[in-house]
Structure formats: structure tokens, C-alpha cells
Amino acid sequence: MTRFILRKTPYEFSKEDFERELIGLEPEVIRQYYVEINGKKFPPKQVIAHILRLGKVEFTTMDAANILRRLGFRLRHLE
């Protein structure tokens, strides 16, 4: 399990939690960065917003990227 704090709220998840929660979710349009989960490419903010049940305006792409990296996901730049 990985613990992190986002906007003063503590969370605890595993990489497997994220993989399980995203099954069946369709990715939104990727603008610049993405993370591949379950064979699909997702925008980082979509992943974090979905898992944490937050609005995308409540955190930055950098926040999302840092959380995903700590969980063991690799962020990539759209080419």
C-alpha cells in the first residue's frame, strides 16, 4: 500500500487498487501525458479524479503524476 496526501487529505491505495478500479473505464482524450493501465492509455488527471472521486480542478497534473509514479506507474509523453 502506498500512502499519500492530496490537498490535506490522506489516502492509501495499492497499484492493484488502481488497476481494479479502472476496469471498464474508457479513456478520455490525451493531450500531453498519459499512463498505461490495463492496456489502455489514460490522462493522469482522469485516473486520479476517478479513483479519488475528485473534480479535475481540485489538483494539478503534477499532483497526479507524482501519485501515479509513487504507485509504480510510468508516465509517458504523447508523441
C-alpha atoms as a PDB file:
ATOM      1  CA  MET A   1       0.000   0.000   0.000  1.00  0.00           C
ATOM      2  CA  THR A   2       1.109   3.497  -0.794  1.00  0.00           C
ATOM      3  CA  ARG A   3       0.136   6.413   1.399  1.00  0.00           C
ATOM      4  CA  PHE A   4      -0.074   9.958   0.094  1.00  0.00           C
ATOM      5  CA  ILE A   5      -1.684  13.263   0.960  1.00  0.00           C
ATOM      6  CA  LEU A   6      -3.507  15.362  -1.602  1.00  0.00           C
ATOM      7  CA  ARG A   7      -4.809  18.752  -0.558  1.00  0.00           C
ATOM      8  CA  LYS A   8      -4.500  17.877   3.131  1.00  0.00           C
ATOM      9  CA  THR A   9      -6.493  14.641   2.783  1.00  0.00           C
ATOM     10  CA  PRO A  10      -4.664  11.339   3.419  1.00  0.00           C
ATOM     11  CA  TYR A  11      -5.182   8.367   1.088  1.00  0.00           C
ATOM     12  CA  GLU A  12      -3.903   4.802   0.975  1.00  0.00           C
ATOM     13  CA  PHE A  13      -4.028   2.661  -2.165  1.00  0.00           C
ATOM     14  CA  SER A  14      -2.076  -0.037  -3.941  1.00  0.00           C
ATOM     15  CA  LYS A  15      -1.209  -0.249  -7.618  1.00  0.00           C
ATOM     16  CA  GLU A  16      -3.639  -3.165  -7.825  1.00  0.00           C
ATOM     17  CA  ASP A  17      -6.437  -1.000  -6.383  1.00  0.00           C
ATOM     18  CA  PHE A  18      -5.968   1.430  -9.268  1.00  0.00           C
ATOM     19  CA  GLU A  19      -5.862  -1.348 -11.857  1.00  0.00           C
ATOM     20  CA  ARG A  20      -9.044  -2.913 -10.475  1.00  0.00           C
ATOM     21  CA  GLU A  21     -10.940   0.397 -10.262  1.00  0.00           C
ATOM     22  CA  LEU A  22     -10.195   1.292 -13.888  1.00  0.00           C
ATOM     23  CA  ILE A  23     -11.518  -1.924 -15.431  1.00  0.00           C
ATOM     24  CA  GLY A  24     -14.216  -0.951 -17.898  1.00  0.00           C
ATOM     25  CA  LEU A  25     -13.451   2.782 -17.783  1.00  0.00           C
ATOM     26  CA  GLU A  26     -12.897   4.352 -21.189  1.00  0.00           C
ATOM     27  CA  PRO A  27     -10.001   6.802 -21.513  1.00  0.00           C
ATOM     28  CA  GLU A  28     -10.603  10.452 -22.267  1.00  0.00           C
ATOM     29  CA  VAL A  29      -8.662  12.339 -24.924  1.00  0.00           C
ATOM     30  CA  ILE A  30      -4.945  12.529 -24.140  1.00  0.00           C
ATOM     31  CA  ARG A  31      -3.478  15.984 -24.546  1.00  0.00           C
ATOM     32  CA  GLN A  32       0.124  15.661 -23.432  1.00  0.00           C
ATOM     33  CA  TYR A  33       0.827  12.950 -20.835  1.00  0.00           C
ATOM     34  CA  TYR A  34      -0.604   9.506 -20.261  1.00  0.00           C
ATOM     35  CA  VAL A  35      -0.269   6.447 -18.081  1.00  0.00           C
ATOM     36  CA  GLU A  36      -0.963   2.951 -19.367  1.00  0.00           C
ATOM     37  CA  ILE A  37      -3.156   0.847 -17.089  1.00  0.00           C
ATOM     38  CA  ASN A  38      -4.793  -2.441 -18.048  1.00  0.00           C
ATOM     39  CA  GLY A  39      -3.592  -1.953 -21.633  1.00  0.00           C
ATOM     40  CA  LYS A  40      -5.325   1.424 -22.008  1.00  0.00           C
ATOM     41  CA  LYS A  41      -3.754   4.890 -22.138  1.00  0.00           C
ATOM     42  CA  PHE A  42      -5.334   7.318 -19.673  1.00  0.00           C
ATOM     43  CA  PRO A  43      -4.698  11.002 -18.929  1.00  0.00           C
ATOM     44  CA  PRO A  44      -3.210  11.150 -15.400  1.00  0.00           C
ATOM     45  CA  LYS A  45      -5.874  13.518 -14.098  1.00  0.00           C
ATOM     46  CA  GLN A  46      -8.680  11.234 -15.282  1.00  0.00           C
ATOM     47  CA  VAL A  47      -7.198   8.351 -13.290  1.00  0.00           C
ATOM     48  CA  ILE A  48      -6.779  10.316 -10.065  1.00  0.00           C
ATOM     49  CA  ALA A  49     -10.163  12.059 -10.366  1.00  0.00           C
ATOM     50  CA  HIS A  50     -11.905   8.721 -10.906  1.00  0.00           C
ATOM     51  CA  ILE A  51     -10.168   6.842  -8.097  1.00  0.00           C
ATOM     52  CA  LEU A  52     -10.312   9.618  -5.501  1.00  0.00           C
ATOM     53  CA  ARG A  53     -13.759  10.876  -6.574  1.00  0.00           C
ATOM     54  CA  LEU A  54     -12.457  14.416  -7.050  1.00  0.00           C
ATOM     55  CA  GLY A  55     -13.071  17.091  -9.633  1.00  0.00           C
ATOM     56  CA  LYS A  56     -10.163  17.635 -12.004  1.00  0.00           C
ATOM     57  CA  VAL A  57      -9.868  21.266 -10.922  1.00  0.00           C
ATOM     58  CA  GLU A  58      -9.064  20.155  -7.364  1.00  0.00           C
ATOM     59  CA  PHE A  59      -5.486  19.053  -8.181  1.00  0.00           C
ATOM     60  CA  THR A  60      -2.781  19.559 -10.781  1.00  0.00           C
ATOM     61  CA  THR A  61      -1.350  17.260 -13.423  1.00  0.00           C
ATOM     62  CA  MET A  62       1.882  17.302 -11.396  1.00  0.00           C
ATOM     63  CA  ASP A  63      -0.030  16.065  -8.332  1.00  0.00           C
ATOM     64  CA  ALA A  64      -1.492  13.232 -10.412  1.00  0.00           C
ATOM     65  CA  ALA A  65       1.886  12.368 -11.932  1.00  0.00           C
ATOM     66  CA  ASN A  66       3.583  12.198  -8.533  1.00  0.00           C
ATOM     67  CA  ILE A  67       0.902   9.907  -7.105  1.00  0.00           C
ATOM     68  CA  LEU A  68       0.994   7.589 -10.101  1.00  0.00           C
ATOM     69  CA  ARG A  69       4.809   7.368 -10.012  1.00  0.00           C
ATOM     70  CA  ARG A  70       4.747   6.523  -6.291  1.00  0.00           C
ATOM     71  CA  LEU A  71       2.340   3.689  -7.079  1.00  0.00           C
ATOM     72  CA  GLY A  72       4.752   2.325  -9.682  1.00  0.00           C
ATOM     73  CA  PHE A  73       3.141   3.548 -12.892  1.00  0.00           C
ATOM     74  CA  ARG A  74       5.224   5.147 -15.618  1.00  0.00           C
ATOM     75  CA  LEU A  75       4.073   8.407 -17.147  1.00  0.00           C
ATOM     76  CA  ARG A  76       4.738   8.965 -20.820  1.00  0.00           C
ATOM     77  CA  HIS A  77       4.626  11.954 -23.113  1.00  0.00           C
ATOM     78  CA  LEU A  78       2.317  11.767 -26.110  1.00  0.00           C
ATOM     79  CA  GLU A  79       4.394  11.839 -29.280  1.00  0.00           C
END
